[in-house]
Amino acid sequence: MQINISTRHGQLSAATQERITEKVEKLSRYFDRLTAILVTVDLDRREAPVVEIQVSVERSEALMAAEQSAEVLSALDGALHKIEQQIRRHKDKRTERRRPPIKHLEVPAENEPEAE
């Protein structure tokens, strides 16, 4: 899984980038078919930075979440919560479409005597 962190209108410290990477890596727990994660931090307004997370999923459209907060890491936590919910919903949709195997289907017996 590839993780990219980019910033707009400013720079993030190495420690902050490391914390973001650590938190974002945990998304692979929810769904193992994640291919890339792009985190964009917009520091245009220093008092309320915006964090956007875009997750690329194998054989599907990208999932995206954004959050604005007073600090970068609190905005990241809010965006992570939103993207976790989207990943869970996506995984549930994919697994619910599976049909039960044929061996579990019950076939009525033809030669059973009827109870009277």
C-alpha atoms as a PDB file:
ATOM      1  CA  MET A   1       0.000   0.000   0.000  1.00  0.00           C
ATOM      2  CA  GLN A   2       1.367   3.370  -1.039  1.00  0.00           C
ATOM      3  CA  ILE A   3       0.950   6.380   1.278  1.00  0.00           C
ATOM      4  CA  ASN A   4       1.483   9.957   0.057  1.00  0.00           C
ATOM      5  CA  ILE A   5       1.270  13.053   2.245  1.00  0.00           C
ATOM      6  CA  SER A   6       1.062  16.472   0.612  1.00  0.00           C
ATOM      7  CA  THR A   7       0.482  19.960   1.952  1.00  0.00           C
ATOM      8  CA  ARG A   8      -0.969  23.140   0.529  1.00  0.00           C
ATOM      9  CA  HIS A   9       0.063  26.627   1.645  1.00  0.00           C
ATOM     10  CA  GLY A  10       2.717  25.520   4.124  1.00  0.00           C
ATOM     11  CA  GLN A  11       4.934  22.748   5.450  1.00  0.00           C
ATOM     12  CA  LEU A  12       4.447  20.006   8.027  1.00  0.00           C
ATOM     13  CA  SER A  13       7.166  18.955  10.419  1.00  0.00           C
ATOM     14  CA  ALA A  14       8.771  15.525  10.019  1.00  0.00           C
ATOM     15  CA  ALA A  15       7.263  14.428  13.342  1.00  0.00           C
ATOM     16  CA  THR A  16       3.753  15.373  12.207  1.00  0.00           C
ATOM     17  CA  GLN A  17       4.216  13.549   8.905  1.00  0.00           C
ATOM     18  CA  GLU A  18       5.391  10.457  10.793  1.00  0.00           C
ATOM     19  CA  ARG A  19       2.316  10.572  13.081  1.00  0.00           C
ATOM     20  CA  ILE A  20       0.029  10.902  10.053  1.00  0.00           C
ATOM     21  CA  THR A  21       1.703   7.911   8.388  1.00  0.00           C
ATOM     22  CA  GLU A  22       1.341   5.785  11.536  1.00  0.00           C
ATOM     23  CA  LYS A  23      -2.358   6.563  11.877  1.00  0.00           C
ATOM     24  CA  VAL A  24      -3.171   6.083   8.187  1.00  0.00           C
ATOM     25  CA  GLU A  25      -1.381   2.701   7.995  1.00  0.00           C
ATOM     26  CA  LYS A  26      -4.000   1.302  10.380  1.00  0.00           C
ATOM     27  CA  LEU A  27      -6.678   1.577   7.664  1.00  0.00           C
ATOM     28  CA  SER A  28      -5.432  -1.674   6.142  1.00  0.00           C
ATOM     29  CA  ARG A  29      -6.958  -3.505   9.135  1.00  0.00           C
ATOM     30  CA  TYR A  30     -10.443  -2.821   7.856  1.00  0.00           C
ATOM     31  CA  PHE A  31      -9.985  -3.913   4.230  1.00  0.00           C
ATOM     32  CA  ASP A  32      -6.941  -5.592   2.707  1.00  0.00           C
ATOM     33  CA  ARG A  33      -7.585  -4.438  -0.882  1.00  0.00           C
ATOM     34  CA  LEU A  34      -6.472  -0.833  -0.365  1.00  0.00           C
ATOM     35  CA  THR A  35      -3.912   0.156  -2.989  1.00  0.00           C
ATOM     36  CA  ALA A  36      -3.020   3.781  -2.207  1.00  0.00           C
ATOM     37  CA  ILE A  37      -3.782   6.478   0.349  1.00  0.00           C
ATOM     38  CA  LEU A  38      -3.353  10.182  -0.359  1.00  0.00           C
ATOM     39  CA  VAL A  39      -3.465  12.601   2.585  1.00  0.00           C
ATOM     40  CA  THR A  40      -3.676  16.304   1.751  1.00  0.00           C
ATOM     41  CA  VAL A  41      -3.319  18.918   4.493  1.00  0.00           C
ATOM     42  CA  ASP A  42      -4.511  22.414   3.564  1.00  0.00           C
ATOM     43  CA  LEU A  43      -2.883  25.029   5.788  1.00  0.00           C
ATOM     44  CA  ASP A  44      -4.467  28.027   4.041  1.00  0.00           C
ATOM     45  CA  ARG A  45      -6.147  29.071   7.281  1.00  0.00           C
ATOM     46  CA  ARG A  46      -3.732  28.242  10.107  1.00  0.00           C
ATOM     47  CA  GLU A  47      -6.459  28.458  12.768  1.00  0.00           C
ATOM     48  CA  ALA A  48      -8.531  25.740  11.045  1.00  0.00           C
ATOM     49  CA  PRO A  49      -6.528  23.363   8.809  1.00  0.00           C
ATOM     50  CA  VAL A  50      -8.369  20.952   6.510  1.00  0.00           C
ATOM     51  CA  VAL A  51      -7.293  17.309   6.134  1.00  0.00           C
ATOM     52  CA  GLU A  52      -8.491  15.306   3.131  1.00  0.00           C
ATOM     53  CA  ILE A  53      -7.975  11.550   2.800  1.00  0.00           C
ATOM     54  CA  GLN A  54      -8.430   9.754  -0.510  1.00  0.00           C
ATOM     55  CA  VAL A  55      -8.251   5.946  -0.484  1.00  0.00           C
ATOM     56  CA  SER A  56      -7.912   3.923  -3.675  1.00  0.00           C
ATOM     57  CA  VAL A  57      -9.589   0.535  -3.479  1.00  0.00           C
ATOM     58  CA  GLU A  58      -8.855  -2.334  -5.844  1.00  0.00           C
ATOM     59  CA  ARG A  59     -11.579  -2.675  -8.535  1.00  0.00           C
ATOM     60  CA  SER A  60     -13.628   0.220  -7.178  1.00  0.00           C
ATOM     61  CA  GLU A  61     -13.901   3.974  -7.127  1.00  0.00           C
ATOM     62  CA  ALA A  62     -11.817   5.970  -4.664  1.00  0.00           C
ATOM     63  CA  LEU A  63     -13.229   6.779  -1.235  1.00  0.00           C
ATOM     64  CA  MET A  64     -12.769  10.306   0.109  1.00  0.00           C
ATOM     65  CA  ALA A  65     -13.260  12.125   3.414  1.00  0.00           C
ATOM     66  CA  ALA A  66     -12.392  15.626   4.626  1.00  0.00           C
ATOM     67  CA  GLU A  67     -12.436  17.260   8.040  1.00  0.00           C
ATOM     68  CA  GLN A  68     -11.666  20.735   9.384  1.00  0.00           C
ATOM     69  CA  SER A  69     -10.583  21.338  12.963  1.00  0.00           C
ATOM     70  CA  ALA A  70      -8.447  23.576  15.158  1.00  0.00           C
ATOM     71  CA  GLU A  71      -5.389  21.303  14.880  1.00  0.00           C
ATOM     72  CA  VAL A  72      -4.007  19.091  12.131  1.00  0.00           C
ATOM     73  CA  LEU A  73      -4.065  15.859  14.138  1.00  0.00           C
ATOM     74  CA  SER A  74      -7.608  16.364  15.418  1.00  0.00           C
ATOM     75  CA  ALA A  75      -8.765  17.027  11.840  1.00  0.00           C
ATOM     76  CA  LEU A  76      -6.917  13.845  10.804  1.00  0.00           C
ATOM     77  CA  ASP A  77      -8.743  11.841  13.482  1.00  0.00           C
ATOM     78  CA  GLY A  78     -12.113  13.104  12.267  1.00  0.00           C
ATOM     79  CA  ALA A  79     -11.307  12.320   8.635  1.00  0.00           C
ATOM     80  CA  LEU A  80     -10.009   8.865   9.600  1.00  0.00           C
ATOM     81  CA  HIS A  81     -13.271   8.124  11.409  1.00  0.00           C
ATOM     82  CA  LYS A  82     -15.268   9.070   8.308  1.00  0.00           C
ATOM     83  CA  ILE A  83     -13.093   7.024   5.940  1.00  0.00           C
ATOM     84  CA  GLU A  84     -13.209   3.986   8.273  1.00  0.00           C
ATOM     85  CA  GLN A  85     -17.006   4.043   8.079  1.00  0.00           C
ATOM     86  CA  GLN A  86     -16.874   4.263   4.280  1.00  0.00           C
ATOM     87  CA  ILE A  87     -14.430   1.344   4.080  1.00  0.00           C
ATOM     88  CA  ARG A  88     -16.630  -0.784   6.349  1.00  0.00           C
ATOM     89  CA  ARG A  89     -19.723  -0.017   4.254  1.00  0.00           C
ATOM     90  CA  HIS A  90     -17.824  -0.813   1.063  1.00  0.00           C
ATOM     91  CA  LYS A  91     -16.603  -4.121   2.467  1.00  0.00           C
ATOM     92  CA  ASP A  92     -20.099  -5.053   3.678  1.00  0.00           C
ATOM     93  CA  LYS A  93     -21.552  -4.381   0.238  1.00  0.00           C
ATOM     94  CA  ARG A  94     -18.951  -6.593  -1.405  1.00  0.00           C
ATOM     95  CA  THR A  95     -19.425  -9.499   1.008  1.00  0.00           C
ATOM     96  CA  GLU A  96     -23.250  -9.339   1.106  1.00  0.00           C
ATOM     97  CA  ARG A  97     -23.505 -10.023  -2.604  1.00  0.00           C
ATOM     98  CA  ARG A  98     -22.064 -13.481  -2.269  1.00  0.00           C
ATOM     99  CA  ARG A  99     -24.515 -16.314  -2.593  1.00  0.00           C
ATOM    100  CA  PRO A 100     -24.446 -19.337  -0.309  1.00  0.00           C
ATOM    101  CA  PRO A 101     -22.628 -22.324  -1.767  1.00  0.00           C
ATOM    102  CA  ILE A 102     -24.706 -25.005  -3.449  1.00  0.00           C
ATOM    103  CA  LYS A 103     -23.927 -27.624  -0.805  1.00  0.00           C
ATOM    104  CA  HIS A 104     -25.797 -25.535   1.787  1.00  0.00           C
ATOM    105  CA  LEU A 105     -28.992 -25.291  -0.232  1.00  0.00           C
ATOM    106  CA  GLU A 106     -31.686 -27.687   0.886  1.00  0.00           C
ATOM    107  CA  VAL A 107     -33.281 -29.765  -1.842  1.00  0.00           C
ATOM    108  CA  PRO A 108     -36.635 -31.396  -1.012  1.00  0.00           C
ATOM    109  CA  ALA A 109     -36.537 -35.163  -1.141  1.00  0.00           C
ATOM    110  CA  GLU A 110     -38.791 -36.679  -3.803  1.00  0.00           C
ATOM    111  CA  ASN A 111     -39.461 -40.181  -2.410  1.00  0.00           C
ATOM    112  CA  GLU A 112     -40.368 -39.344   1.170  1.00  0.00           C
ATOM    113  CA  PRO A 113     -43.677 -40.797   2.426  1.00  0.00           C
ATOM    114  CA  GLU A 114     -46.187 -38.164   3.403  1.00  0.00           C
ATOM    115  CA  ALA A 115     -47.202 -37.994   7.037  1.00  0.00           C
ATOM    116  CA  GLU A 116     -50.917 -38.638   7.601  1.00  0.00           C
END
